[in-house]
Amino acid sequence: MKLHIPVENPQYQMLKRDIARYRRKPGPLIQVLHRAQEIFGYLPPEVQYFVAQELNVPVSQVYGVVTFYNFFRTEPVAKHVINVCMGTACHVKGAEGIVKAISEELGIKVGETTKDKFFTLSTARCFGACGLAPVIMINEDVFGKLTPEKVKDVIREYREEKQREEREGNN
């Protein structure tokens, strides 16, 4: 299957330059995919195909890496990705209750995005912050020692920030 890649697109041009840099390093595929996801926000089939072409590797290899690692996304995500740690310490200290509270607060399930594209809910195996269990990450921010009520407060703070930004943007 041949996909149309708009090589005149500045995002593809940027990725092509980055691939040229990474190509000199051993095993560049994961680094290139991370960079592609930074540029595009996720890794749709056409981006995977482009990466495969540029690195001269089979598309199946690229797809295999993308679908194996949970930090790669094949669907667009919201402005804020909420990742709930499901590692042993977090599980024992109530991670399931945290997921349930977030789902109720946002009206979405794990893997889904809110209609306003403000939050995506996801889980991960372990963040390595076991002393703070249970833990979530919203984008790069870590929140620990959570309870279902505390996590709802964190989400409400992000929503209030969004409302402030919208009011300021409308003035």
Protein backbone atom coordinates (compact mmCIF):
# COMPACT_ATOMS: atom_id res chain seq x y z
CA MET A 1 0.00 0.00 0.00
CA LYS A 2 1.37 3.38 -1.03
CA LEU A 3 0.34 6.37 1.06
CA HIS A 4 0.44 9.97 -0.08
CA ILE A 5 3.05 11.85 1.93
CA PRO A 6 2.87 15.64 1.51
CA VAL A 7 6.66 16.16 1.62
CA GLU A 8 6.16 19.90 1.17
CA ASN A 9 4.50 19.91 4.61
CA PRO A 10 6.84 21.67 7.09
CA GLN A 11 6.29 18.93 9.67
CA TYR A 12 7.58 16.27 7.28
CA GLN A 13 10.51 18.50 6.32
CA MET A 14 11.42 18.93 10.00
CA LEU A 15 11.15 15.17 10.60
CA LYS A 16 13.29 14.46 7.52
CA ARG A 17 16.06 16.73 8.89
CA ASP A 18 15.85 15.04 12.29
CA ILE A 19 15.96 11.58 10.73
CA ALA A 20 19.16 12.56 8.92
CA ARG A 21 20.67 13.45 12.31
CA TYR A 22 19.47 10.28 14.07
CA ARG A 23 20.45 8.01 11.17
CA ARG A 24 24.11 8.30 12.21
CA LYS A 25 23.33 6.74 15.60
CA PRO A 26 22.88 3.01 16.15
CA GLY A 27 19.27 1.79 16.27
CA PRO A 28 17.59 5.13 15.56
CA LEU A 29 14.00 3.90 15.11
CA ILE A 30 12.69 4.57 18.63
CA GLN A 31 14.36 8.00 18.77
CA VAL A 32 12.92 8.90 15.38
CA LEU A 33 9.44 7.74 16.41
CA HIS A 34 9.62 9.83 19.59
CA ARG A 35 10.58 12.85 17.51
CA ALA A 36 7.84 12.15 14.97
CA GLN A 37 5.28 11.96 17.76
CA GLU A 38 6.54 15.27 19.18
CA ILE A 39 6.09 16.87 15.77
CA PHE A 40 2.75 15.34 14.77
CA GLY A 41 1.25 14.63 18.19
CA TYR A 42 0.71 10.98 17.28
CA LEU A 43 1.86 8.42 14.70
CA PRO A 44 -0.74 7.93 11.96
CA PRO A 45 -0.05 5.36 9.18
CA GLU A 46 1.34 7.97 6.79
CA VAL A 47 3.94 9.12 9.34
CA GLN A 48 4.90 5.50 10.08
CA TYR A 49 5.28 4.89 6.34
CA PHE A 50 7.43 8.02 5.96
CA VAL A 51 9.70 6.93 8.83
CA ALA A 52 10.04 3.45 7.30
CA GLN A 53 10.96 4.94 3.92
CA GLU A 54 13.48 7.37 5.36
CA LEU A 55 15.17 4.75 7.59
CA ASN A 56 14.92 2.06 4.90
CA VAL A 57 13.20 -0.40 7.23
CA PRO A 58 9.99 -2.37 6.65
CA VAL A 59 6.75 -0.61 7.60
CA SER A 60 5.89 -3.74 9.61
CA GLN A 61 8.94 -3.11 11.81
CA VAL A 62 7.88 0.49 12.44
CA TYR A 63 4.29 -0.60 13.17
CA GLY A 64 5.55 -3.34 15.49
CA VAL A 65 7.54 -0.85 17.56
CA VAL A 66 4.69 1.69 17.61
CA THR A 67 2.14 -0.85 18.82
CA PHE A 68 4.48 -2.57 21.30
CA TYR A 69 5.39 0.47 23.39
CA ASN A 70 2.56 2.19 25.25
CA PHE A 71 4.11 5.66 24.95
CA PHE A 72 3.51 5.73 21.19
CA ARG A 73 0.06 6.78 20.01
CA THR A 74 -1.67 5.96 16.75
CA GLU A 75 -4.65 8.24 17.46
CA PRO A 76 -4.67 11.97 18.19
CA VAL A 77 -4.64 12.87 21.86
CA ALA A 78 -5.94 15.80 23.84
CA LYS A 79 -4.00 18.79 25.10
CA HIS A 80 -3.58 17.04 28.47
CA VAL A 81 -2.88 13.31 28.64
CA ILE A 82 -3.66 11.84 32.05
CA ASN A 83 -1.62 8.69 32.63
CA VAL A 84 -2.50 6.62 35.68
CA CYS A 85 0.27 4.40 37.02
CA MET A 86 -0.89 0.80 37.35
CA GLY A 87 2.34 -0.59 38.81
CA THR A 88 2.25 -2.85 41.86
CA ALA A 89 2.61 -0.11 44.50
CA CYS A 90 0.00 2.10 42.84
CA HIS A 91 -2.35 -0.84 42.35
CA VAL A 92 -2.08 -1.83 46.01
CA LYS A 93 -2.66 1.78 47.11
CA GLY A 94 -5.80 2.30 45.02
CA ALA A 95 -4.97 3.04 41.39
CA GLU A 96 -8.24 1.42 40.26
CA GLY A 97 -10.18 3.91 42.38
CA ILE A 98 -8.18 6.74 40.81
CA VAL A 99 -9.05 5.52 37.30
CA LYS A 100 -12.72 5.23 38.29
CA ALA A 101 -12.75 8.76 39.76
CA ILE A 102 -11.14 10.25 36.64
CA SER A 103 -13.53 8.34 34.37
CA GLU A 104 -16.51 9.64 36.33
CA GLU A 105 -15.20 13.20 36.44
CA LEU A 106 -14.45 13.33 32.70
CA GLY A 107 -17.15 11.00 31.38
CA ILE A 108 -14.61 8.90 29.44
CA LYS A 109 -12.98 5.49 29.74
CA VAL A 110 -9.29 4.57 29.54
CA GLY A 111 -8.09 5.19 25.98
CA GLU A 112 -10.72 7.84 25.27
CA THR A 113 -10.55 11.60 24.82
CA THR A 114 -13.05 14.16 26.07
CA LYS A 115 -15.27 15.78 23.42
CA ASP A 116 -13.53 19.12 23.90
CA LYS A 117 -10.15 17.41 23.26
CA PHE A 118 -8.85 18.72 26.57
CA PHE A 119 -8.15 15.38 28.32
CA THR A 120 -7.15 11.88 27.22
CA LEU A 121 -7.15 9.11 29.84
CA SER A 122 -4.47 6.45 29.68
CA THR A 123 -2.67 3.98 31.94
CA ALA A 124 0.94 2.86 32.17
CA ARG A 125 2.72 0.02 33.93
CA CYS A 126 5.02 1.98 36.25
CA PHE A 127 6.42 5.49 36.58
CA GLY A 128 9.13 4.59 39.08
CA ALA A 129 7.57 6.86 41.71
CA CYS A 130 6.42 4.09 44.02
CA GLY A 131 6.98 6.15 47.18
CA LEU A 132 4.27 8.54 45.94
CA ALA A 133 1.72 5.83 45.11
CA PRO A 134 -0.88 6.11 43.75
CA VAL A 135 0.50 8.38 41.03
CA ILE A 136 -0.75 10.06 37.85
CA MET A 137 1.05 12.12 35.26
CA ILE A 138 -0.67 14.88 33.35
CA ASN A 139 1.63 15.48 30.43
CA GLU A 140 4.99 15.82 32.28
CA ASP A 141 3.58 16.81 35.69
CA VAL A 142 3.54 14.12 38.41
CA PHE A 143 0.88 14.02 41.12
CA GLY A 144 1.24 11.53 43.96
CA LYS A 145 -0.35 10.26 47.15
CA LEU A 146 -3.73 10.68 45.50
CA THR A 147 -7.21 9.76 46.59
CA PRO A 148 -10.26 9.74 44.32
CA GLU A 149 -11.28 13.16 45.72
CA LYS A 150 -7.78 14.66 45.35
CA VAL A 151 -7.54 13.54 41.72
CA LYS A 152 -10.87 15.19 40.95
CA ASP A 153 -9.48 18.42 42.48
CA VAL A 154 -6.42 18.20 40.20
CA ILE A 155 -8.64 17.80 37.14
CA ARG A 156 -10.82 20.72 38.24
CA GLU A 157 -7.69 22.91 38.53
CA TYR A 158 -6.79 22.11 34.91
CA ARG A 159 -10.35 22.92 33.84
CA GLU A 160 -10.23 26.24 35.71
CA GLU A 161 -6.93 27.04 33.98
CA LYS A 162 -8.63 26.31 30.64
CA GLN A 163 -11.51 28.63 31.50
CA ARG A 164 -9.07 31.41 32.50
CA GLU A 165 -7.19 30.99 29.22
CA GLU A 166 -10.43 31.11 27.25
CA ARG A 167 -11.58 34.28 29.04
CA GLU A 168 -8.21 35.97 28.48
CA GLY A 169 -8.17 34.87 24.84
CA ASN A 170 -11.64 36.30 24.27
CA ASN A 171 -10.74 39.75 25.62
